[in-house]
Amino acid sequence: MKQMIDRINYLYNKSKKFGLSDDEKLEQEKLRREYVKIIRGNFENQLKNYKKKDDK
């Protein structure tokens, strides 16, 4: 996961300074989508494991 975030950040910074090739743009989009998918999955798992306390 850290490698993925590092690569996303690298591509972002490169895009601001120099621009990205078409291949790099595709890679950036793919990495961002995969990252969001992982985050959503983790969040959904947290919600599934959530237990409401009784109000008693």
PDB file of N, CA and C in Angstrom:
ATOM      1  N   MET A   1       0.824  -1.187   0.000  1.00  0.00           N
ATOM      2  CA  MET A   1       0.000   0.000   0.000  1.00  0.00           C
ATOM      3  C   MET A   1       0.874   1.259   0.000  1.00  0.00           C
ATOM      4  N   LYS A   2       1.936   1.254   0.795  1.00  0.00           N
ATOM      5  CA  LYS A   2       2.824   2.420   0.844  1.00  0.00           C
ATOM      6  C   LYS A   2       3.456   2.666  -0.519  1.00  0.00           C
ATOM      7  N   GLN A   3       3.848   1.598  -1.199  1.00  0.00           N
ATOM      8  CA  GLN A   3       4.445   1.761  -2.529  1.00  0.00           C
ATOM      9  C   GLN A   3       3.443   2.387  -3.498  1.00  0.00           C
ATOM     10  N   MET A   4       2.181   1.983  -3.371  1.00  0.00           N
ATOM     11  CA  MET A   4       1.139   2.528  -4.237  1.00  0.00           C
ATOM     12  C   MET A   4       0.975   4.029  -3.974  1.00  0.00           C
ATOM     13  N   ILE A   5       0.909   4.412  -2.716  1.00  0.00           N
ATOM     14  CA  ILE A   5       0.755   5.826  -2.361  1.00  0.00           C
ATOM     15  C   ILE A   5       1.966   6.627  -2.818  1.00  0.00           C
ATOM     16  N   ASP A   6       3.152   6.066  -2.618  1.00  0.00           N
ATOM     17  CA  ASP A   6       4.370   6.752  -3.063  1.00  0.00           C
ATOM     18  C   ASP A   6       4.353   6.985  -4.574  1.00  0.00           C
ATOM     19  N   ARG A   7       3.913   5.985  -5.315  1.00  0.00           N
ATOM     20  CA  ARG A   7       3.869   6.118  -6.782  1.00  0.00           C
ATOM     21  C   ARG A   7       2.809   7.145  -7.205  1.00  0.00           C
ATOM     22  N   ILE A   8       1.649   7.118  -6.550  1.00  0.00           N
ATOM     23  CA  ILE A   8       0.604   8.105  -6.843  1.00  0.00           C
ATOM     24  C   ILE A   8       1.140   9.512  -6.600  1.00  0.00           C
ATOM     25  N   ASN A   9       1.802   9.699  -5.477  1.00  0.00           N
ATOM     26  CA  ASN A   9       2.359  11.013  -5.144  1.00  0.00           C
ATOM     27  C   ASN A   9       3.448  11.428  -6.131  1.00  0.00           C
ATOM     28  N   TYR A  10       4.289  10.476  -6.515  1.00  0.00           N
ATOM     29  CA  TYR A  10       5.343  10.772  -7.490  1.00  0.00           C
ATOM     30  C   TYR A  10       4.734  11.252  -8.808  1.00  0.00           C
ATOM     31  N   LEU A  11       3.733  10.523  -9.291  1.00  0.00           N
ATOM     32  CA  LEU A  11       3.105  10.896 -10.556  1.00  0.00           C
ATOM     33  C   LEU A  11       2.394  12.242 -10.449  1.00  0.00           C
ATOM     34  N   TYR A  12       1.785  12.505  -9.311  1.00  0.00           N
ATOM     35  CA  TYR A  12       1.132  13.802  -9.115  1.00  0.00           C
ATOM     36  C   TYR A  12       2.152  14.933  -9.186  1.00  0.00           C
ATOM     37  N   ASN A  13       3.235  14.782  -8.429  1.00  0.00           N
ATOM     38  CA  ASN A  13       4.260  15.830  -8.415  1.00  0.00           C
ATOM     39  C   ASN A  13       4.899  16.014  -9.788  1.00  0.00           C
ATOM     40  N   LYS A  14       5.134  14.905 -10.479  1.00  0.00           N
ATOM     41  CA  LYS A  14       5.709  14.991 -11.822  1.00  0.00           C
ATOM     42  C   LYS A  14       4.749  15.700 -12.775  1.00  0.00           C
ATOM     43  N   SER A  15       3.456  15.419 -12.623  1.00  0.00           N
ATOM     44  CA  SER A  15       2.476  16.051 -13.515  1.00  0.00           C
ATOM     45  C   SER A  15       2.453  17.566 -13.334  1.00  0.00           C
ATOM     46  N   LYS A  16       2.674  18.018 -12.120  1.00  0.00           N
ATOM     47  CA  LYS A  16       2.677  19.460 -11.851  1.00  0.00           C
ATOM     48  C   LYS A  16       3.935  20.137 -12.380  1.00  0.00           C
ATOM     49  N   LYS A  17       5.062  19.437 -12.355  1.00  0.00           N
ATOM     50  CA  LYS A  17       6.334  20.037 -12.764  1.00  0.00           C
ATOM     51  C   LYS A  17       6.613  19.881 -14.255  1.00  0.00           C
ATOM     52  N   PHE A  18       6.380  18.671 -14.777  1.00  0.00           N
ATOM     53  CA  PHE A  18       6.811  18.358 -16.141  1.00  0.00           C
ATOM     54  C   PHE A  18       5.694  17.866 -17.051  1.00  0.00           C
ATOM     55  N   GLY A  19       4.592  17.428 -16.485  1.00  0.00           N
ATOM     56  CA  GLY A  19       3.554  16.780 -17.271  1.00  0.00           C
ATOM     57  C   GLY A  19       3.801  15.279 -17.322  1.00  0.00           C
ATOM     58  N   LEU A  20       2.807  14.547 -17.760  1.00  0.00           N
ATOM     59  CA  LEU A  20       2.902  13.090 -17.828  1.00  0.00           C
ATOM     60  C   LEU A  20       2.694  12.617 -19.257  1.00  0.00           C
ATOM     61  N   SER A  21       3.340  11.499 -19.568  1.00  0.00           N
ATOM     62  CA  SER A  21       3.089  10.851 -20.856  1.00  0.00           C
ATOM     63  C   SER A  21       1.710  10.193 -20.789  1.00  0.00           C
ATOM     64  N   ASP A  22       1.203   9.771 -21.920  1.00  0.00           N
ATOM     65  CA  ASP A  22      -0.097   9.098 -21.948  1.00  0.00           C
ATOM     66  C   ASP A  22      -0.080   7.838 -21.093  1.00  0.00           C
ATOM     67  N   ASP A  23       1.016   7.077 -21.154  1.00  0.00           N
ATOM     68  CA  ASP A  23       1.133   5.858 -20.349  1.00  0.00           C
ATOM     69  C   ASP A  23       1.125   6.178 -18.860  1.00  0.00           C
ATOM     70  N   GLU A  24       1.804   7.246 -18.483  1.00  0.00           N
ATOM     71  CA  GLU A  24       1.840   7.635 -17.073  1.00  0.00           C
ATOM     72  C   GLU A  24       0.469   8.120 -16.599  1.00  0.00           C
ATOM     73  N   LYS A  25      -0.259   8.801 -17.466  1.00  0.00           N
ATOM     74  CA  LYS A  25      -1.611   9.238 -17.116  1.00  0.00           C
ATOM     75  C   LYS A  25      -2.517   8.039 -16.868  1.00  0.00           C
ATOM     76  N   LEU A  26      -2.388   7.029 -17.720  1.00  0.00           N
ATOM     77  CA  LEU A  26      -3.179   5.810 -17.537  1.00  0.00           C
ATOM     78  C   LEU A  26      -2.794   5.099 -16.245  1.00  0.00           C
ATOM     79  N   GLU A  27      -1.501   5.023 -15.979  1.00  0.00           N
ATOM     80  CA  GLU A  27      -1.028   4.398 -14.744  1.00  0.00           C
ATOM     81  C   GLU A  27      -1.563   5.155 -13.525  1.00  0.00           C
ATOM     82  N   GLN A  28      -1.511   6.473 -13.575  1.00  0.00           N
ATOM     83  CA  GLN A  28      -1.984   7.301 -12.466  1.00  0.00           C
ATOM     84  C   GLN A  28      -3.475   7.049 -12.208  1.00  0.00           C
ATOM     85  N   GLU A  29      -4.252   7.022 -13.270  1.00  0.00           N
ATOM     86  CA  GLU A  29      -5.687   6.777 -13.135  1.00  0.00           C
ATOM     87  C   GLU A  29      -5.953   5.394 -12.546  1.00  0.00           C
ATOM     88  N   LYS A  30      -5.233   4.386 -13.045  1.00  0.00           N
ATOM     89  CA  LYS A  30      -5.394   3.018 -12.553  1.00  0.00           C
ATOM     90  C   LYS A  30      -5.036   2.928 -11.071  1.00  0.00           C
ATOM     91  N   LEU A  31      -3.926   3.537 -10.677  1.00  0.00           N
ATOM     92  CA  LEU A  31      -3.502   3.505  -9.279  1.00  0.00           C
ATOM     93  C   LEU A  31      -4.508   4.212  -8.374  1.00  0.00           C
ATOM     94  N   ARG A  32      -5.016   5.337  -8.824  1.00  0.00           N
ATOM     95  CA  ARG A  32      -5.995   6.073  -8.022  1.00  0.00           C
ATOM     96  C   ARG A  32      -7.271   5.263  -7.832  1.00  0.00           C
ATOM     97  N   ARG A  33      -7.730   4.632  -8.906  1.00  0.00           N
ATOM     98  CA  ARG A  33      -8.939   3.803  -8.800  1.00  0.00           C
ATOM     99  C   ARG A  33      -8.722   2.626  -7.848  1.00  0.00           C
ATOM    100  N   GLU A  34      -7.575   1.983  -7.950  1.00  0.00           N
ATOM    101  CA  GLU A  34      -7.254   0.851  -7.075  1.00  0.00           C
ATOM    102  C   GLU A  34      -7.167   1.300  -5.618  1.00  0.00           C
ATOM    103  N   TYR A  35      -6.557   2.455  -5.388  1.00  0.00           N
ATOM    104  CA  TYR A  35      -6.439   2.997  -4.034  1.00  0.00           C
ATOM    105  C   TYR A  35      -7.822   3.264  -3.433  1.00  0.00           C
ATOM    106  N   VAL A  36      -8.694   3.898  -4.198  1.00  0.00           N
ATOM    107  CA  VAL A  36     -10.048   4.189  -3.716  1.00  0.00           C
ATOM    108  C   VAL A  36     -10.802   2.891  -3.445  1.00  0.00           C
ATOM    109  N   LYS A  37     -10.621   1.903  -4.292  1.00  0.00           N
ATOM    110  CA  LYS A  37     -11.270   0.602  -4.105  1.00  0.00           C
ATOM    111  C   LYS A  37     -10.837  -0.031  -2.782  1.00  0.00           C
ATOM    112  N   ILE A  38      -9.557   0.034  -2.475  1.00  0.00           N
ATOM    113  CA  ILE A  38      -9.033  -0.521  -1.224  1.00  0.00           C
ATOM    114  C   ILE A  38      -9.599   0.231  -0.023  1.00  0.00           C
ATOM    115  N   ILE A  39      -9.592   1.553  -0.089  1.00  0.00           N
ATOM    116  CA  ILE A  39     -10.100   2.374   1.016  1.00  0.00           C
ATOM    117  C   ILE A  39     -11.583   2.097   1.253  1.00  0.00           C
ATOM    118  N   ARG A  40     -12.358   2.018   0.187  1.00  0.00           N
ATOM    119  CA  ARG A  40     -13.793   1.723   0.327  1.00  0.00           C
ATOM    120  C   ARG A  40     -14.008   0.347   0.945  1.00  0.00           C
ATOM    121  N   GLY A  41     -13.224  -0.629   0.502  1.00  0.00           N
ATOM    122  CA  GLY A  41     -13.342  -1.977   1.053  1.00  0.00           C
ATOM    123  C   GLY A  41     -13.033  -2.003   2.536  1.00  0.00           C
ATOM    124  N   ASN A  42     -11.980  -1.300   2.937  1.00  0.00           N
ATOM    125  CA  ASN A  42     -11.634  -1.231   4.360  1.00  0.00           C
ATOM    126  C   ASN A  42     -12.747  -0.567   5.160  1.00  0.00           C
ATOM    127  N   PHE A  43     -13.310   0.497   4.627  1.00  0.00           N
ATOM    128  CA  PHE A  43     -14.385   1.206   5.314  1.00  0.00           C
ATOM    129  C   PHE A  43     -15.625   0.321   5.442  1.00  0.00           C
ATOM    130  N   GLU A  44     -15.968  -0.393   4.379  1.00  0.00           N
ATOM    131  CA  GLU A  44     -17.120  -1.295   4.423  1.00  0.00           C
ATOM    132  C   GLU A  44     -16.911  -2.385   5.462  1.00  0.00           C
ATOM    133  N   ASN A  45     -15.696  -2.924   5.564  1.00  0.00           N
ATOM    134  CA  ASN A  45     -15.405  -3.932   6.579  1.00  0.00           C
ATOM    135  C   ASN A  45     -15.554  -3.366   7.982  1.00  0.00           C
ATOM    136  N   GLN A  46     -15.125  -2.135   8.180  1.00  0.00           N
ATOM    137  CA  GLN A  46     -15.286  -1.501   9.487  1.00  0.00           C
ATOM    138  C   GLN A  46     -16.764  -1.351   9.828  1.00  0.00           C
ATOM    139  N   LEU A  47     -17.576  -0.974   8.854  1.00  0.00           N
ATOM    140  CA  LEU A  47     -19.008  -0.829   9.107  1.00  0.00           C
ATOM    141  C   LEU A  47     -19.662  -2.174   9.410  1.00  0.00           C
ATOM    142  N   LYS A  48     -19.223  -3.214   8.747  1.00  0.00           N
ATOM    143  CA  LYS A  48     -19.782  -4.546   8.995  1.00  0.00           C
ATOM    144  C   LYS A  48     -19.471  -5.017  10.405  1.00  0.00           C
ATOM    145  N   ASN A  49     -18.319  -4.637  10.918  1.00  0.00           N
ATOM    146  CA  ASN A  49     -17.901  -5.068  12.249  1.00  0.00           C
ATOM    147  C   ASN A  49     -18.388  -4.146  13.357  1.00  0.00           C
ATOM    148  N   TYR A  50     -19.083  -3.088  12.988  1.00  0.00           N
ATOM    149  CA  TYR A  50     -19.594  -2.137  13.963  1.00  0.00           C
ATOM    150  C   TYR A  50     -20.764  -2.755  14.704  1.00  0.00           C
ATOM    151  N   LYS A  51     -20.741  -2.644  16.019  1.00  0.00           N
ATOM    152  CA  LYS A  51     -21.845  -3.149  16.832  1.00  0.00           C
ATOM    153  C   LYS A  51     -22.385  -2.000  17.662  1.00  0.00           C
ATOM    154  N   LYS A  52     -23.671  -1.805  17.586  1.00  0.00           N
ATOM    155  CA  LYS A  52     -24.311  -0.728  18.332  1.00  0.00           C
ATOM    156  C   LYS A  52     -24.457  -1.141  19.788  1.00  0.00           C
ATOM    157  N   LYS A  53     -24.133  -0.223  20.679  1.00  0.00           N
ATOM    158  CA  LYS A  53     -24.311  -0.484  22.104  1.00  0.00           C
ATOM    159  C   LYS A  53     -25.789  -0.338  22.443  1.00  0.00           C
ATOM    160  N   ASP A  54     -26.236  -1.168  23.381  1.00  0.00           N
ATOM    161  CA  ASP A  54     -27.620  -1.052  23.842  1.00  0.00           C
ATOM    162  C   ASP A  54     -27.799   0.259  24.583  1.00  0.00           C
ATOM    163  N   ASP A  55     -28.972   0.850  24.442  1.00  0.00           N
ATOM    164  CA  ASP A  55     -29.257   2.122  25.097  1.00  0.00           C
ATOM    165  C   ASP A  55     -29.712   1.933  26.539  1.00  0.00           C
ATOM    166  N   LYS A  56     -29.688   0.731  27.040  1.00  0.00           N
ATOM    167  CA  LYS A  56     -30.178   0.442  28.394  1.00  0.00           C
ATOM    168  C   LYS A  56     -29.318   1.020  29.442  1.00  0.00           C
TER     169      LYS A  56
END
